[in-house]
């Protein structure tokens, strides 16, 4: 069996597709055809070790002594390794935008300036969304209730309530009224629409003119 031919630099064997043919079809014409069409597709790959920088050459850290790998003179070679945006839907990449896409969009909207130091030099910008800044900053002072605050039931007197006072003789010519039962000649506050009953347990009882009627 003859020794297989190898590449002189990598010493990798040269693959011949004609050797896979039956002996009957190993003709000179078939060998030439397969060598020109099929053999280049089945040869083993050869790796070359390269040492150098890739990416743009106009950054702040660039110096003239840096060694960059040879690339074609296009925008793609100038903006290698720039950040991009990937859009995924259910772990499937649907769109991808790189730095060149950003520059093309700027050009479409009328930005003819190709200098990136003028386009992207600003590191801070203001943002004023349509929100309530007090709730955004002092969110700890607010109660976040999705359904709104609960209703509060307020109870008060109705028109059918009837108030009863018991009148007893006090000190001298004064009177004491229960439910207070302690204050002599107390001041009464009467509300319009309510019924008041005075149960008098004294020889005489009169209401002075300093009674105030509150209308609500």
C-alpha atoms as a PDB file:
ATOM      1  CA  UNK A   1       0.000   0.000   0.000  1.00  0.00           C
ATOM      2  CA  UNK A   2       1.538   3.283  -1.038  1.00  0.00           C
ATOM      3  CA  UNK A   3       1.969   6.035   1.517  1.00  0.00           C
ATOM      4  CA  UNK A   4      -0.704   8.717   1.425  1.00  0.00           C
ATOM      5  CA  UNK A   5       0.284  12.164   0.342  1.00  0.00           C
ATOM      6  CA  UNK A   6       0.308  14.883   3.022  1.00  0.00           C
ATOM      7  CA  UNK A   7       0.354  18.676   3.062  1.00  0.00           C
ATOM      8  CA  UNK A   8       3.925  19.918   3.565  1.00  0.00           C
ATOM      9  CA  UNK A   9       3.159  22.503   6.284  1.00  0.00           C
ATOM     10  CA  UNK A  10       0.517  20.823   8.430  1.00  0.00           C
ATOM     11  CA  UNK A  11       1.427  17.206   7.573  1.00  0.00           C
ATOM     12  CA  UNK A  12      -2.281  16.445   7.318  1.00  0.00           C
ATOM     13  CA  UNK A  13      -3.239  13.695   4.854  1.00  0.00           C
ATOM     14  CA  UNK A  14      -4.659  14.713   1.494  1.00  0.00           C
ATOM     15  CA  UNK A  15      -8.091  13.140   1.136  1.00  0.00           C
ATOM     16  CA  UNK A  16      -8.971  11.661  -2.252  1.00  0.00           C
ATOM     17  CA  UNK A  17     -12.632  10.950  -2.955  1.00  0.00           C
ATOM     18  CA  UNK A  18     -11.682   8.794  -5.939  1.00  0.00           C
ATOM     19  CA  UNK A  19     -10.330   6.190  -3.527  1.00  0.00           C
ATOM     20  CA  UNK A  20     -13.901   5.545  -2.377  1.00  0.00           C
ATOM     21  CA  UNK A  21     -14.938   4.468  -5.863  1.00  0.00           C
ATOM     22  CA  UNK A  22     -14.944   0.838  -6.957  1.00  0.00           C
ATOM     23  CA  UNK A  23     -11.819  -0.176  -8.800  1.00  0.00           C
ATOM     24  CA  UNK A  24     -13.723  -0.267 -12.066  1.00  0.00           C
ATOM     25  CA  UNK A  25     -14.565   3.477 -11.920  1.00  0.00           C
ATOM     26  CA  UNK A  26     -11.118   4.710 -10.849  1.00  0.00           C
ATOM     27  CA  UNK A  27     -10.246   6.211 -14.191  1.00  0.00           C
ATOM     28  CA  UNK A  28      -8.093   9.232 -14.959  1.00  0.00           C
ATOM     29  CA  UNK A  29     -11.081  11.309 -16.022  1.00  0.00           C
ATOM     30  CA  UNK A  30     -13.035  10.521 -12.847  1.00  0.00           C
ATOM     31  CA  UNK A  31     -10.007  11.316 -10.699  1.00  0.00           C
ATOM     32  CA  UNK A  32      -9.589  14.710 -12.353  1.00  0.00           C
ATOM     33  CA  UNK A  33     -13.290  15.509 -11.989  1.00  0.00           C
ATOM     34  CA  UNK A  34     -13.464  14.538  -8.314  1.00  0.00           C
ATOM     35  CA  UNK A  35     -10.194  16.319  -7.537  1.00  0.00           C
ATOM     36  CA  UNK A  36     -11.589  19.589  -8.875  1.00  0.00           C
ATOM     37  CA  UNK A  37     -15.167  19.332  -7.524  1.00  0.00           C
ATOM     38  CA  UNK A  38     -15.393  17.071  -4.455  1.00  0.00           C
ATOM     39  CA  UNK A  39     -11.908  16.936  -2.950  1.00  0.00           C
ATOM     40  CA  UNK A  40     -11.757  20.628  -1.905  1.00  0.00           C
ATOM     41  CA  UNK A  41     -14.889  20.066   0.184  1.00  0.00           C
ATOM     42  CA  UNK A  42     -13.579  17.124   2.197  1.00  0.00           C
ATOM     43  CA  UNK A  43     -10.060  18.303   3.019  1.00  0.00           C
ATOM     44  CA  UNK A  44      -9.204  18.710   6.739  1.00  0.00           C
ATOM     45  CA  UNK A  45      -9.151  22.282   7.993  1.00  0.00           C
ATOM     46  CA  UNK A  46      -5.890  23.947   8.913  1.00  0.00           C
ATOM     47  CA  UNK A  47      -5.768  26.435  11.789  1.00  0.00           C
ATOM     48  CA  UNK A  48      -3.368  29.340  11.832  1.00  0.00           C
ATOM     49  CA  UNK A  49      -2.429  30.978  15.141  1.00  0.00           C
ATOM     50  CA  UNK A  50      -2.921  34.722  14.922  1.00  0.00           C
ATOM     51  CA  UNK A  51      -1.951  37.323  17.501  1.00  0.00           C
ATOM     52  CA  UNK A  52      -3.299  40.850  17.339  1.00  0.00           C
ATOM     53  CA  UNK A  53      -6.163  43.220  18.144  1.00  0.00           C
ATOM     54  CA  UNK A  54      -9.511  43.420  16.419  1.00  0.00           C
ATOM     55  CA  UNK A  55     -12.049  46.230  16.658  1.00  0.00           C
ATOM     56  CA  UNK A  56     -12.039  49.953  16.107  1.00  0.00           C
ATOM     57  CA  UNK A  57      -8.798  51.881  16.050  1.00  0.00           C
ATOM     58  CA  UNK A  58      -9.962  55.346  17.091  1.00  0.00           C
ATOM     59  CA  UNK A  59     -10.771  54.737  20.778  1.00  0.00           C
ATOM     60  CA  UNK A  60      -9.157  56.446  23.741  1.00  0.00           C
ATOM     61  CA  UNK A  61      -6.900  53.455  24.460  1.00  0.00           C
ATOM     62  CA  UNK A  62      -5.580  53.084  20.926  1.00  0.00           C
ATOM     63  CA  UNK A  63      -1.883  53.655  20.374  1.00  0.00           C
ATOM     64  CA  UNK A  64       0.190  53.494  17.218  1.00  0.00           C
ATOM     65  CA  UNK A  65       2.201  50.525  18.486  1.00  0.00           C
ATOM     66  CA  UNK A  66      -0.832  48.238  18.753  1.00  0.00           C
ATOM     67  CA  UNK A  67      -0.830  45.364  16.288  1.00  0.00           C
ATOM     68  CA  UNK A  68      -4.190  44.813  14.584  1.00  0.00           C
ATOM     69  CA  UNK A  69      -5.131  41.897  12.385  1.00  0.00           C
ATOM     70  CA  UNK A  70      -5.506  42.639   8.701  1.00  0.00           C
ATOM     71  CA  UNK A  71      -9.141  43.317   7.768  1.00  0.00           C
ATOM     72  CA  UNK A  72     -10.910  44.778   4.814  1.00  0.00           C
ATOM     73  CA  UNK A  73     -11.305  48.528   4.767  1.00  0.00           C
ATOM     74  CA  UNK A  74     -15.051  48.676   5.472  1.00  0.00           C
ATOM     75  CA  UNK A  75     -17.334  49.915   8.221  1.00  0.00           C
ATOM     76  CA  UNK A  76     -17.719  46.342   9.432  1.00  0.00           C
ATOM     77  CA  UNK A  77     -14.004  46.148  10.236  1.00  0.00           C
ATOM     78  CA  UNK A  78     -14.112  49.518  12.026  1.00  0.00           C
ATOM     79  CA  UNK A  79     -16.960  48.578  14.364  1.00  0.00           C
ATOM     80  CA  UNK A  80     -16.150  45.029  15.379  1.00  0.00           C
ATOM     81  CA  UNK A  81     -17.095  43.910  18.908  1.00  0.00           C
ATOM     82  CA  UNK A  82     -19.485  46.857  19.353  1.00  0.00           C
ATOM     83  CA  UNK A  83     -22.565  46.292  21.554  1.00  0.00           C
ATOM     84  CA  UNK A  84     -25.783  45.170  19.921  1.00  0.00           C
ATOM     85  CA  UNK A  85     -29.410  44.405  20.745  1.00  0.00           C
ATOM     86  CA  UNK A  86     -30.965  40.943  20.413  1.00  0.00           C
ATOM     87  CA  UNK A  87     -34.754  40.451  20.374  1.00  0.00           C
ATOM     88  CA  UNK A  88     -35.983  37.014  21.419  1.00  0.00           C
ATOM     89  CA  UNK A  89     -39.426  35.431  21.369  1.00  0.00           C
ATOM     90  CA  UNK A  90     -39.781  32.161  23.291  1.00  0.00           C
ATOM     91  CA  UNK A  91     -35.998  31.704  23.221  1.00  0.00           C
ATOM     92  CA  UNK A  92     -35.938  32.213  19.456  1.00  0.00           C
ATOM     93  CA  UNK A  93     -33.923  35.149  18.121  1.00  0.00           C
ATOM     94  CA  UNK A  94     -36.222  37.213  15.916  1.00  0.00           C
ATOM     95  CA  UNK A  95     -34.176  40.382  15.382  1.00  0.00           C
ATOM     96  CA  UNK A  96     -30.642  41.629  15.900  1.00  0.00           C
ATOM     97  CA  UNK A  97     -29.382  45.196  15.683  1.00  0.00           C
ATOM     98  CA  UNK A  98     -25.688  46.074  15.772  1.00  0.00           C
ATOM     99  CA  UNK A  99     -23.889  49.397  15.837  1.00  0.00           C
ATOM    100  CA  UNK A 100     -24.002  49.719  12.072  1.00  0.00           C
ATOM    101  CA  UNK A 101     -27.791  49.511  12.185  1.00  0.00           C
ATOM    102  CA  UNK A 102     -27.790  52.411  14.653  1.00  0.00           C
ATOM    103  CA  UNK A 103     -25.625  54.500  12.358  1.00  0.00           C
ATOM    104  CA  UNK A 104     -27.840  53.665   9.366  1.00  0.00           C
ATOM    105  CA  UNK A 105     -30.941  54.776  11.279  1.00  0.00           C
ATOM    106  CA  UNK A 106     -29.236  58.041  12.209  1.00  0.00           C
ATOM    107  CA  UNK A 107     -28.319  58.581   8.578  1.00  0.00           C
ATOM    108  CA  UNK A 108     -31.911  57.860   7.526  1.00  0.00           C
ATOM    109  CA  UNK A 109     -33.174  60.590   9.876  1.00  0.00           C
ATOM    110  CA  UNK A 110     -30.729  63.134   8.481  1.00  0.00           C
ATOM    111  CA  UNK A 111     -27.625  62.727  10.630  1.00  0.00           C
ATOM    112  CA  UNK A 112     -24.746  62.972   8.155  1.00  0.00           C
ATOM    113  CA  UNK A 113     -22.051  63.192  10.825  1.00  0.00           C
ATOM    114  CA  UNK A 114     -19.810  60.139  10.758  1.00  0.00           C
ATOM    115  CA  UNK A 115     -17.832  61.109  13.864  1.00  0.00           C
ATOM    116  CA  UNK A 116     -18.912  58.906  16.744  1.00  0.00           C
ATOM    117  CA  UNK A 117     -17.275  61.127  19.352  1.00  0.00           C
ATOM    118  CA  UNK A 118     -19.853  63.815  18.524  1.00  0.00           C
ATOM    119  CA  UNK A 119     -22.791  61.461  18.194  1.00  0.00           C
ATOM    120  CA  UNK A 120     -22.339  59.407  21.383  1.00  0.00           C
ATOM    121  CA  UNK A 121     -20.137  61.572  23.606  1.00  0.00           C
ATOM    122  CA  UNK A 122     -22.937  62.425  26.064  1.00  0.00           C
ATOM    123  CA  UNK A 123     -22.861  60.074  29.060  1.00  0.00           C
ATOM    124  CA  UNK A 124     -25.961  61.407  30.850  1.00  0.00           C
ATOM    125  CA  UNK A 125     -29.371  62.516  29.703  1.00  0.00           C
ATOM    126  CA  UNK A 126     -32.583  63.707  31.318  1.00  0.00           C
ATOM    127  CA  UNK A 127     -35.710  61.591  31.414  1.00  0.00           C
ATOM    128  CA  UNK A 128     -39.113  62.983  32.315  1.00  0.00           C
ATOM    129  CA  UNK A 129     -41.773  60.270  32.012  1.00  0.00           C
ATOM    130  CA  UNK A 130     -45.471  61.128  32.523  1.00  0.00           C
ATOM    131  CA  UNK A 131     -45.648  59.865  36.114  1.00  0.00           C
ATOM    132  CA  UNK A 132     -46.404  61.320  39.543  1.00  0.00           C
ATOM    133  CA  UNK A 133     -42.907  61.982  40.910  1.00  0.00           C
ATOM    134  CA  UNK A 134     -44.178  62.262  44.498  1.00  0.00           C
ATOM    135  CA  UNK A 135     -45.511  58.712  44.386  1.00  0.00           C
ATOM    136  CA  UNK A 136     -42.334  57.580  42.646  1.00  0.00           C
ATOM    137  CA  UNK A 137     -39.977  59.070  45.241  1.00  0.00           C
ATOM    138  CA  UNK A 138     -42.130  58.717  48.378  1.00  0.00           C
ATOM    139  CA  UNK A 139     -43.682  55.369  47.568  1.00  0.00           C
ATOM    140  CA  UNK A 140     -43.247  54.259  51.197  1.00  0.00           C
ATOM    141  CA  UNK A 141     -45.805  56.873  52.256  1.00  0.00           C
ATOM    142  CA  UNK A 142     -48.535  55.451  50.015  1.00  0.00           C
ATOM    143  CA  UNK A 143     -50.759  52.406  50.286  1.00  0.00           C
ATOM    144  CA  UNK A 144     -50.997  50.570  46.996  1.00  0.00           C
ATOM    145  CA  UNK A 145     -54.597  49.233  46.847  1.00  0.00           C
ATOM    146  CA  UNK A 146     -55.494  47.874  43.385  1.00  0.00           C
ATOM    147  CA  UNK A 147     -59.243  47.950  44.055  1.00  0.00           C
ATOM    148  CA  UNK A 148     -59.271  51.351  45.732  1.00  0.00           C
ATOM    149  CA  UNK A 149     -59.758  52.139  49.433  1.00  0.00           C
ATOM    150  CA  UNK A 150     -62.444  50.194  51.302  1.00  0.00           C
ATOM    151  CA  UNK A 151     -65.719  51.891  52.102  1.00  0.00           C
ATOM    152  CA  UNK A 152     -66.293  53.235  55.632  1.00  0.00           C
ATOM    153  CA  UNK A 153     -69.769  52.985  57.146  1.00  0.00           C
ATOM    154  CA  UNK A 154     -70.845  56.131  59.054  1.00  0.00           C
ATOM    155  CA  UNK A 155     -73.628  55.744  61.601  1.00  0.00           C
ATOM    156  CA  UNK A 156     -75.676  58.624  63.055  1.00  0.00           C
ATOM    157  CA  UNK A 157     -79.071  59.538  64.362  1.00  0.00           C
ATOM    158  CA  UNK A 158     -82.119  59.106  62.196  1.00  0.00           C
ATOM    159  CA  UNK A 159     -85.384  61.020  62.189  1.00  0.00           C
ATOM    160  CA  UNK A 160     -87.129  58.301  64.216  1.00  0.00           C
ATOM    161  CA  UNK A 161     -84.860  58.608  67.290  1.00  0.00           C
ATOM    162  CA  UNK A 162     -86.654  59.970  70.367  1.00  0.00           C
ATOM    163  CA  UNK A 163     -84.624  61.523  73.213  1.00  0.00           C
ATOM    164  CA  UNK A 164     -85.953  61.517  76.804  1.00  0.00           C
ATOM    165  CA  UNK A 165     -84.754  63.778  79.608  1.00  0.00           C
ATOM    166  CA  UNK A 166     -85.682  63.289  83.263  1.00  0.00           C
ATOM    167  CA  UNK A 167     -85.954  66.538  85.170  1.00  0.00           C
ATOM    168  CA  UNK A 168     -85.252  66.534  88.931  1.00  0.00           C
ATOM    169  CA  UNK A 169     -85.005  69.296  91.488  1.00  0.00           C
ATOM    170  CA  UNK A 170     -81.438  70.571  91.938  1.00  0.00           C
ATOM    171  CA  UNK A 171     -79.861  72.989  94.354  1.00  0.00           C
ATOM    172  CA  UNK A 172     -82.153  75.902  95.130  1.00  0.00           C
ATOM    173  CA  UNK A 173     -84.282  76.776  92.149  1.00  0.00           C
ATOM    174  CA  UNK A 174     -82.174  74.862  89.657  1.00  0.00           C
ATOM    175  CA  UNK A 175     -82.908  71.657  87.850  1.00  0.00           C
ATOM    176  CA  UNK A 176     -80.819  68.604  87.059  1.00  0.00           C
ATOM    177  CA  UNK A 177     -81.458  66.690  83.839  1.00  0.00           C
ATOM    178  CA  UNK A 178     -80.718  63.015  83.316  1.00  0.00           C
ATOM    179  CA  UNK A 179     -78.828  61.353  81.504  1.00  0.00           C
ATOM    180  CA  UNK A 180     -76.207  63.880  82.740  1.00  0.00           C
ATOM    181  CA  UNK A 181     -77.680  64.024  86.224  1.00  0.00           C
ATOM    182  CA  UNK A 182     -74.891  66.221  87.631  1.00  0.00           C
ATOM    183  CA  UNK A 183     -74.977  69.670  86.041  1.00  0.00           C
ATOM    184  CA  UNK A 184     -77.423  72.260  87.397  1.00  0.00           C
ATOM    185  CA  UNK A 185     -79.402  73.999  84.693  1.00  0.00           C
ATOM    186  CA  UNK A 186     -77.379  72.430  81.824  1.00  0.00           C
ATOM    187  CA  UNK A 187     -77.313  73.833  78.309  1.00  0.00           C
ATOM    188  CA  UNK A 188     -79.326  71.716  75.891  1.00  0.00           C
ATOM    189  CA  UNK A 189     -78.580  71.370  72.190  1.00  0.00           C
ATOM    190  CA  UNK A 190     -81.707  70.424  70.284  1.00  0.00           C
ATOM    191  CA  UNK A 191     -81.660  69.296  66.648  1.00  0.00           C
ATOM    192  CA  UNK A 192     -84.369  69.979  64.153  1.00  0.00           C
ATOM    193  CA  UNK A 193     -86.512  66.974  63.266  1.00  0.00           C
ATOM    194  CA  UNK A 194     -85.850  65.052  66.496  1.00  0.00           C
ATOM    195  CA  UNK A 195     -88.419  64.315  69.233  1.00  0.00           C
ATOM    196  CA  UNK A 196     -87.560  65.273  72.826  1.00  0.00           C
ATOM    197  CA  UNK A 197     -89.570  64.110  75.854  1.00  0.00           C
ATOM    198  CA  UNK A 198     -89.112  65.763  79.286  1.00  0.00           C
ATOM    199  CA  UNK A 199     -90.216  63.701  82.282  1.00  0.00           C
ATOM    200  CA  UNK A 200     -90.616  66.270  85.066  1.00  0.00           C
ATOM    201  CA  UNK A 201     -90.189  65.099  88.657  1.00  0.00           C
ATOM    202  CA  UNK A 202     -90.353  68.514  90.371  1.00  0.00           C
ATOM    203  CA  UNK A 203     -93.126  70.873  91.482  1.00  0.00           C
ATOM    204  CA  UNK A 204     -92.269  73.391  88.815  1.00  0.00           C
ATOM    205  CA  UNK A 205     -90.128  73.375  85.656  1.00  0.00           C
ATOM    206  CA  UNK A 206     -89.607  75.956  82.980  1.00  0.00           C
ATOM    207  CA  UNK A 207     -87.295  76.383  80.013  1.00  0.00           C
ATOM    208  CA  UNK A 208     -85.458  79.692  79.888  1.00  0.00           C
ATOM    209  CA  UNK A 209     -84.951  81.652  76.720  1.00  0.00           C
ATOM    210  CA  UNK A 210     -81.240  80.846  76.502  1.00  0.00           C
ATOM    211  CA  UNK A 211     -81.974  77.539  74.777  1.00  0.00           C
ATOM    212  CA  UNK A 212     -80.244  77.353  71.362  1.00  0.00           C
ATOM    213  CA  UNK A 213     -81.785  75.385  68.510  1.00  0.00           C
ATOM    214  CA  UNK A 214     -79.269  74.094  65.985  1.00  0.00           C
ATOM    215  CA  UNK A 215     -80.576  73.585  62.451  1.00  0.00           C
ATOM    216  CA  UNK A 216     -78.674  71.102  60.355  1.00  0.00           C
END
